[in-house]
PDB file of N, CA and C in Angstrom:
ATOM      1  N   MET A   1     168.389 118.102 172.991  1.00  0.00           N
ATOM      2  CA  MET A   1     167.329 119.048 172.675  1.00  0.00           C
ATOM      3  C   MET A   1     166.257 118.315 171.873  1.00  0.00           C
ATOM      4  N   SER A   2     165.012 118.420 172.268  1.00  0.00           N
ATOM      5  CA  SER A   2     163.931 117.714 171.576  1.00  0.00           C
ATOM      6  C   SER A   2     163.374 118.575 170.434  1.00  0.00           C
ATOM      7  N   ALA A   3     162.783 117.883 169.480  1.00  0.00           N
ATOM      8  CA  ALA A   3     162.178 118.579 168.344  1.00  0.00           C
ATOM      9  C   ALA A   3     160.869 119.222 168.786  1.00  0.00           C
ATOM     10  N   PRO A   4     160.470 120.306 168.127  1.00  0.00           N
ATOM     11  CA  PRO A   4     159.179 120.907 168.469  1.00  0.00           C
ATOM     12  C   PRO A   4     158.046 119.902 168.262  1.00  0.00           C
ATOM     13  N   GLN A   5     156.978 120.080 169.002  1.00  0.00           N
ATOM     14  CA  GLN A   5     155.885 119.116 168.970  1.00  0.00           C
ATOM     15  C   GLN A   5     155.271 118.992 167.572  1.00  0.00           C
ATOM     16  N   PHE A   6     155.152 120.088 166.849  1.00  0.00           N
ATOM     17  CA  PHE A   6     154.528 120.014 165.533  1.00  0.00           C
ATOM     18  C   PHE A   6     155.308 119.111 164.590  1.00  0.00           C
ATOM     19  N   TRP A   7     156.627 119.239 164.560  1.00  0.00           N
ATOM     20  CA  TRP A   7     157.429 118.464 163.607  1.00  0.00           C
ATOM     21  C   TRP A   7     157.601 117.011 164.027  1.00  0.00           C
ATOM     22  N   SER A   8     157.465 116.712 165.307  1.00  0.00           N
ATOM     23  CA  SER A   8     157.611 115.326 165.732  1.00  0.00           C
ATOM     24  C   SER A   8     156.305 114.538 165.540  1.00  0.00           C
ATOM     25  N   THR A   9     155.163 115.151 165.805  1.00  0.00           N
ATOM     26  CA  THR A   9     153.867 114.479 165.625  1.00  0.00           C
ATOM     27  C   THR A   9     152.872 115.480 165.023  1.00  0.00           C
ATOM     28  N   PRO A  10     152.915 115.691 163.716  1.00  0.00           N
ATOM     29  CA  PRO A  10     152.069 116.750 163.123  1.00  0.00           C
ATOM     30  C   PRO A  10     150.566 116.462 163.221  1.00  0.00           C
ATOM     31  N   PHE A  11     150.128 115.207 163.043  1.00  0.00           N
ATOM     32  CA  PHE A  11     148.696 114.931 163.093  1.00  0.00           C
ATOM     33  C   PHE A  11     148.144 115.081 164.506  1.00  0.00           C
ATOM     34  N   ARG A  12     148.931 114.690 165.472  1.00  0.00           N
ATOM     35  CA  ARG A  12     148.509 114.857 166.863  1.00  0.00           C
ATOM     36  C   ARG A  12     148.417 116.340 167.200  1.00  0.00           C
ATOM     37  N   TYR A  13     149.372 117.138 166.714  1.00  0.00           N
ATOM     38  CA  TYR A  13     149.343 118.583 166.957  1.00  0.00           C
ATOM     39  C   TYR A  13     148.134 119.221 166.263  1.00  0.00           C
ATOM     40  N   MET A  14     147.828 118.779 165.029  1.00  0.00           N
ATOM     41  CA  MET A  14     146.678 119.341 164.313  1.00  0.00           C
ATOM     42  C   MET A  14     145.369 118.991 165.019  1.00  0.00           C
ATOM     43  N   ARG A  15     145.262 117.793 165.564  1.00  0.00           N
ATOM     44  CA  ARG A  15     144.077 117.415 166.326  1.00  0.00           C
ATOM     45  C   ARG A  15     143.942 118.288 167.568  1.00  0.00           C
ATOM     46  N   TRP A  16     145.038 118.532 168.269  1.00  0.00           N
ATOM     47  CA  TRP A  16     145.026 119.397 169.444  1.00  0.00           C
ATOM     48  C   TRP A  16     144.631 120.819 169.059  1.00  0.00           C
ATOM     49  N   ALA A  17     145.221 121.325 167.968  1.00  0.00           N
ATOM     50  CA  ALA A  17     144.927 122.695 167.550  1.00  0.00           C
ATOM     51  C   ALA A  17     143.482 122.847 167.100  1.00  0.00           C
ATOM     52  N   SER A  18     142.911 121.808 166.464  1.00  0.00           N
ATOM     53  CA  SER A  18     141.514 121.904 166.032  1.00  0.00           C
ATOM     54  C   SER A  18     140.554 121.974 167.221  1.00  0.00           C
ATOM     55  N   HIS A  19     140.944 121.414 168.350  1.00  0.00           N
ATOM     56  CA  HIS A  19     140.092 121.471 169.546  1.00  0.00           C
ATOM     57  C   HIS A  19     140.364 122.714 170.380  1.00  0.00           C
ATOM     58  N   GLU A  20     141.622 123.078 170.523  1.00  0.00           N
ATOM     59  CA  GLU A  20     141.978 124.171 171.421  1.00  0.00           C
ATOM     60  C   GLU A  20     141.943 125.544 170.751  1.00  0.00           C
ATOM     61  N   LYS A  21     142.298 125.616 169.471  1.00  0.00           N
ATOM     62  CA  LYS A  21     142.337 126.892 168.743  1.00  0.00           C
ATOM     63  C   LYS A  21     141.668 126.710 167.378  1.00  0.00           C
ATOM     64  N   PRO A  22     140.345 126.506 167.354  1.00  0.00           N
ATOM     65  CA  PRO A  22     139.674 126.168 166.098  1.00  0.00           C
ATOM     66  C   PRO A  22     139.697 127.299 165.066  1.00  0.00           C
ATOM     67  N   ALA A  23     139.599 128.544 165.489  1.00  0.00           N
ATOM     68  CA  ALA A  23     139.575 129.647 164.530  1.00  0.00           C
ATOM     69  C   ALA A  23     140.890 129.718 163.750  1.00  0.00           C
ATOM     70  N   ILE A  24     142.000 129.601 164.452  1.00  0.00           N
ATOM     71  CA  ILE A  24     143.306 129.654 163.794  1.00  0.00           C
ATOM     72  C   ILE A  24     143.510 128.420 162.927  1.00  0.00           C
ATOM     73  N   PHE A  25     143.168 127.258 163.448  1.00  0.00           N
ATOM     74  CA  PHE A  25     143.374 126.008 162.705  1.00  0.00           C
ATOM     75  C   PHE A  25     142.591 125.992 161.399  1.00  0.00           C
ATOM     76  N   PHE A  26     141.287 126.306 161.473  1.00  0.00           N
ATOM     77  CA  PHE A  26     140.469 126.216 160.270  1.00  0.00           C
ATOM     78  C   PHE A  26     140.749 127.352 159.292  1.00  0.00           C
ATOM     79  N   SER A  27     141.169 128.510 159.759  1.00  0.00           N
ATOM     80  CA  SER A  27     141.541 129.577 158.826  1.00  0.00           C
ATOM     81  C   SER A  27     142.811 129.191 158.067  1.00  0.00           C
ATOM     82  N   ILE A  28     143.751 128.554 158.723  1.00  0.00           N
ATOM     83  CA  ILE A  28     144.957 128.080 158.033  1.00  0.00           C
ATOM     84  C   ILE A  28     144.605 126.941 157.079  1.00  0.00           C
ATOM     85  N   PHE A  29     143.697 126.057 157.496  1.00  0.00           N
ATOM     86  CA  PHE A  29     143.283 124.948 156.644  1.00  0.00           C
ATOM     87  C   PHE A  29     142.600 125.453 155.371  1.00  0.00           C
ATOM     88  N   ILE A  30     141.675 126.395 155.497  1.00  0.00           N
ATOM     89  CA  ILE A  30     140.973 126.938 154.330  1.00  0.00           C
ATOM     90  C   ILE A  30     141.934 127.723 153.442  1.00  0.00           C
ATOM     91  N   ALA A  31     142.857 128.470 154.036  1.00  0.00           N
ATOM     92  CA  ALA A  31     143.820 129.227 153.248  1.00  0.00           C
ATOM     93  C   ALA A  31     144.769 128.307 152.489  1.00  0.00           C
ATOM     94  N   SER A  32     145.061 127.142 153.038  1.00  0.00           N
ATOM     95  CA  SER A  32     145.947 126.211 152.340  1.00  0.00           C
ATOM     96  C   SER A  32     145.260 125.557 151.147  1.00  0.00           C
ATOM     97  N   LEU A  33     143.933 125.598 151.072  1.00  0.00           N
ATOM     98  CA  LEU A  33     143.218 125.050 149.926  1.00  0.00           C
ATOM     99  C   LEU A  33     143.270 125.971 148.706  1.00  0.00           C
ATOM    100  N   GLY A  34     143.646 127.233 148.885  1.00  0.00           N
ATOM    101  CA  GLY A  34     143.702 128.188 147.779  1.00  0.00           C
ATOM    102  C   GLY A  34     144.656 127.775 146.669  1.00  0.00           C
ATOM    103  N   PRO A  35     145.925 127.517 146.959  1.00  0.00           N
ATOM    104  CA  PRO A  35     146.838 127.095 145.889  1.00  0.00           C
ATOM    105  C   PRO A  35     146.438 125.756 145.258  1.00  0.00           C
ATOM    106  N   VAL A  36     145.855 124.870 146.054  1.00  0.00           N
ATOM    107  CA  VAL A  36     145.392 123.587 145.510  1.00  0.00           C
ATOM    108  C   VAL A  36     144.270 123.835 144.510  1.00  0.00           C
ATOM    109  N   ALA A  37     143.343 124.717 144.844  1.00  0.00           N
ATOM    110  CA  ALA A  37     142.240 125.046 143.944  1.00  0.00           C
ATOM    111  C   ALA A  37     142.743 125.750 142.694  1.00  0.00           C
ATOM    112  N   LEU A  38     143.753 126.582 142.832  1.00  0.00           N
ATOM    113  CA  LEU A  38     144.306 127.299 141.687  1.00  0.00           C
ATOM    114  C   LEU A  38     144.870 126.343 140.647  1.00  0.00           C
ATOM    115  N   VAL A  39     145.444 125.255 141.093  1.00  0.00           N
ATOM    116  CA  VAL A  39     146.022 124.264 140.185  1.00  0.00           C
ATOM    117  C   VAL A  39     144.989 123.237 139.741  1.00  0.00           C
ATOM    118  N   GLY A  40     144.082 122.845 140.621  1.00  0.00           N
ATOM    119  CA  GLY A  40     143.197 121.725 140.339  1.00  0.00           C
ATOM    120  C   GLY A  40     141.863 122.068 139.691  1.00  0.00           C
ATOM    121  N   LEU A  41     141.326 123.262 139.922  1.00  0.00           N
ATOM    122  CA  LEU A  41     139.999 123.564 139.420  1.00  0.00           C
ATOM    123  C   LEU A  41     139.897 123.794 137.916  1.00  0.00           C
ATOM    124  N   PRO A  42     140.831 124.493 137.250  1.00  0.00           N
ATOM    125  CA  PRO A  42     140.660 124.686 135.805  1.00  0.00           C
ATOM    126  C   PRO A  42     140.591 123.387 135.002  1.00  0.00           C
ATOM    127  N   PRO A  43     141.453 122.379 135.231  1.00  0.00           N
ATOM    128  CA  PRO A  43     141.276 121.133 134.484  1.00  0.00           C
ATOM    129  C   PRO A  43     139.951 120.438 134.814  1.00  0.00           C
ATOM    130  N   LEU A  44     139.515 120.520 136.058  1.00  0.00           N
ATOM    131  CA  LEU A  44     138.245 119.918 136.435  1.00  0.00           C
ATOM    132  C   LEU A  44     137.078 120.623 135.740  1.00  0.00           C
ATOM    133  N   ARG A  45     137.163 121.941 135.648  1.00  0.00           N
ATOM    134  CA  ARG A  45     136.134 122.715 134.961  1.00  0.00           C
ATOM    135  C   ARG A  45     136.025 122.316 133.497  1.00  0.00           C
ATOM    136  N   HIS A  46     137.172 122.200 132.826  1.00  0.00           N
ATOM    137  CA  HIS A  46     137.180 121.827 131.407  1.00  0.00           C
ATOM    138  C   HIS A  46     136.701 120.385 131.224  1.00  0.00           C
ATOM    139  N   ALA A  47     137.012 119.510 132.152  1.00  0.00           N
ATOM    140  CA  ALA A  47     136.571 118.117 132.052  1.00  0.00           C
ATOM    141  C   ALA A  47     135.056 118.002 132.200  1.00  0.00           C
ATOM    142  N   LEU A  48     134.449 118.918 132.946  1.00  0.00           N
ATOM    143  CA  LEU A  48     133.005 118.899 133.131  1.00  0.00           C
ATOM    144  C   LEU A  48     132.262 119.647 132.027  1.00  0.00           C
ATOM    145  N   GLY A  49     132.987 120.195 131.041  1.00  0.00           N
ATOM    146  CA  GLY A  49     132.346 120.819 129.890  1.00  0.00           C
ATOM    147  C   GLY A  49     132.247 122.327 129.931  1.00  0.00           C
ATOM    148  N   ASP A  50     132.781 122.970 130.938  1.00  0.00           N
ATOM    149  CA  ASP A  50     132.751 124.428 130.992  1.00  0.00           C
ATOM    150  C   ASP A  50     133.840 124.978 130.090  1.00  0.00           C
ATOM    151  N   VAL A  51     133.490 125.928 129.243  1.00  0.00           N
ATOM    152  CA  VAL A  51     134.473 126.494 128.310  1.00  0.00           C
ATOM    153  C   VAL A  51     134.788 127.925 128.722  1.00  0.00           C
ATOM    154  N   ASP A  52     135.960 128.388 128.336  1.00  0.00           N
ATOM    155  CA  ASP A  52     136.349 129.765 128.604  1.00  0.00           C
ATOM    156  C   ASP A  52     135.562 130.700 127.688  1.00  0.00           C
ATOM    157  N   PRO A  53     135.128 131.855 128.187  1.00  0.00           N
ATOM    158  CA  PRO A  53     134.378 132.777 127.331  1.00  0.00           C
ATOM    159  C   PRO A  53     135.277 133.407 126.275  1.00  0.00           C
ATOM    160  N   ALA A  54     134.643 133.915 125.219  1.00  0.00           N
ATOM    161  CA  ALA A  54     135.401 134.609 124.172  1.00  0.00           C
ATOM    162  C   ALA A  54     136.014 135.878 124.754  1.00  0.00           C
ATOM    163  N   PRO A  55     137.196 136.264 124.281  1.00  0.00           N
ATOM    164  CA  PRO A  55     137.816 137.477 124.834  1.00  0.00           C
ATOM    165  C   PRO A  55     136.992 138.725 124.503  1.00  0.00           C
ATOM    166  N   ILE A  56     137.029 139.684 125.406  1.00  0.00           N
ATOM    167  CA  ILE A  56     136.301 140.938 125.210  1.00  0.00           C
ATOM    168  C   ILE A  56     137.019 141.749 124.140  1.00  0.00           C
ATOM    169  N   PRO A  57     136.285 142.290 123.132  1.00  0.00           N
ATOM    170  CA  PRO A  57     136.953 143.083 122.101  1.00  0.00           C
ATOM    171  C   PRO A  57     137.530 144.366 122.690  1.00  0.00           C
ATOM    172  N   MET A  58     138.719 144.710 122.246  1.00  0.00           N
ATOM    173  CA  MET A  58     139.381 145.912 122.747  1.00  0.00           C
ATOM    174  C   MET A  58     139.178 147.116 121.830  1.00  0.00           C
ATOM    175  N   THR A  59     138.579 146.932 120.647  1.00  0.00           N
ATOM    176  CA  THR A  59     138.309 148.035 119.726  1.00  0.00           C
ATOM    177  C   THR A  59     136.865 147.942 119.267  1.00  0.00           C
ATOM    178  N   TYR A  60     136.339 149.045 118.794  1.00  0.00           N
ATOM    179  CA  TYR A  60     134.985 149.063 118.268  1.00  0.00           C
ATOM    180  C   TYR A  60     135.041 148.603 116.821  1.00  0.00           C
ATOM    181  N   PRO A  61     134.156 147.676 116.404  1.00  0.00           N
ATOM    182  CA  PRO A  61     134.207 147.224 115.013  1.00  0.00           C
ATOM    183  C   PRO A  61     133.775 148.335 114.056  1.00  0.00           C
ATOM    184  N   ILE A  62     134.563 148.571 113.023  1.00  0.00           N
ATOM    185  CA  ILE A  62     134.269 149.604 112.037  1.00  0.00           C
ATOM    186  C   ILE A  62     133.456 148.961 110.921  1.00  0.00           C
ATOM    187  N   PRO A  63     132.236 149.474 110.672  1.00  0.00           N
ATOM    188  CA  PRO A  63     131.423 148.871 109.617  1.00  0.00           C
ATOM    189  C   PRO A  63     131.997 149.193 108.237  1.00  0.00           C
ATOM    190  N   PRO A  64     131.818 148.271 107.279  1.00  0.00           N
ATOM    191  CA  PRO A  64     132.323 148.533 105.929  1.00  0.00           C
ATOM    192  C   PRO A  64     131.430 149.529 105.192  1.00  0.00           C
ATOM    193  N   GLY A  65     131.997 150.217 104.231  1.00  0.00           N
ATOM    194  CA  GLY A  65     131.233 151.149 103.407  1.00  0.00           C
ATOM    195  C   GLY A  65     131.192 152.542 104.003  1.00  0.00           C
ATOM    196  N   PRO A  66     130.483 153.446 103.285  1.00  0.00           N
ATOM    197  CA  PRO A  66     130.407 154.831 103.763  1.00  0.00           C
ATOM    198  C   PRO A  66     129.508 154.947 104.998  1.00  0.00           C
ATOM    199  N   ARG A  67     129.758 155.978 105.753  1.00  0.00           N
ATOM    200  CA  ARG A  67     128.997 156.206 106.974  1.00  0.00           C
ATOM    201  C   ARG A  67     127.622 156.745 106.628  1.00  0.00           C
ATOM    202  N   VAL A  68     126.582 156.172 107.239  1.00  0.00           N
ATOM    203  CA  VAL A  68     125.217 156.634 107.017  1.00  0.00           C
ATOM    204  C   VAL A  68     124.916 157.721 108.041  1.00  0.00           C
ATOM    205  N   ILE A  69     124.613 158.927 107.545  1.00  0.00           N
ATOM    206  CA  ILE A  69     124.316 160.044 108.435  1.00  0.00           C
ATOM    207  C   ILE A  69     122.818 160.071 108.678  1.00  0.00           C
ATOM    208  N   PRO A  70     122.388 160.081 109.950  1.00  0.00           N
ATOM    209  CA  PRO A  70     120.958 160.094 110.231  1.00  0.00           C
ATOM    210  C   PRO A  70     120.292 161.378 109.742  1.00  0.00           C
ATOM    211  N   LYS A  71     119.042 161.282 109.299  1.00  0.00           N
ATOM    212  CA  LYS A  71     118.286 162.431 108.796  1.00  0.00           C
ATOM    213  C   LYS A  71     117.314 162.909 109.873  1.00  0.00           C
ATOM    214  N   GLY A  72     117.056 164.195 109.859  1.00  0.00           N
ATOM    215  CA  GLY A  72     116.050 164.750 110.745  1.00  0.00           C
ATOM    216  C   GLY A  72     116.564 165.234 112.077  1.00  0.00           C
ATOM    217  N   PHE A  73     117.864 165.201 112.309  1.00  0.00           N
ATOM    218  CA  PHE A  73     118.408 165.666 113.572  1.00  0.00           C
ATOM    219  C   PHE A  73     119.324 166.872 113.389  1.00  0.00           C
ATOM    220  N   ASP A  74     119.217 167.547 112.230  1.00  0.00           N
ATOM    221  CA  ASP A  74     120.095 168.698 111.953  1.00  0.00           C
ATOM    222  C   ASP A  74     119.640 169.915 112.755  1.00  0.00           C
ATOM    223  N   ASP A  75     120.611 170.709 113.182  1.00  0.00           N
ATOM    224  CA  ASP A  75     120.300 171.988 113.863  1.00  0.00           C
ATOM    225  C   ASP A  75     119.926 172.993 112.788  1.00  0.00           C
ATOM    226  N   GLU A  76     118.833 173.753 113.026  1.00  0.00           N
ATOM    227  CA  GLU A  76     118.419 174.746 112.044  1.00  0.00           C
ATOM    228  C   GLU A  76     118.458 176.125 112.607  1.00  0.00           C
TER     229      GLU A  76
END
């Protein structure tokens, strides 16, 4: 029993697939770059000087001292 063509000659199969079935080949190729980018891009970003933004505050800052009540907006 012979091995499937892909496992016996993967580069030859990829060349054939890029010519005969380009949509499937290139969609798989681009999708395979996702995990590589997930691991490789953050260190590259930091090496080029990009910094992570400050975290978004989850609470409203409470000013010190007594609360100043605005004048002139009272219901009469």
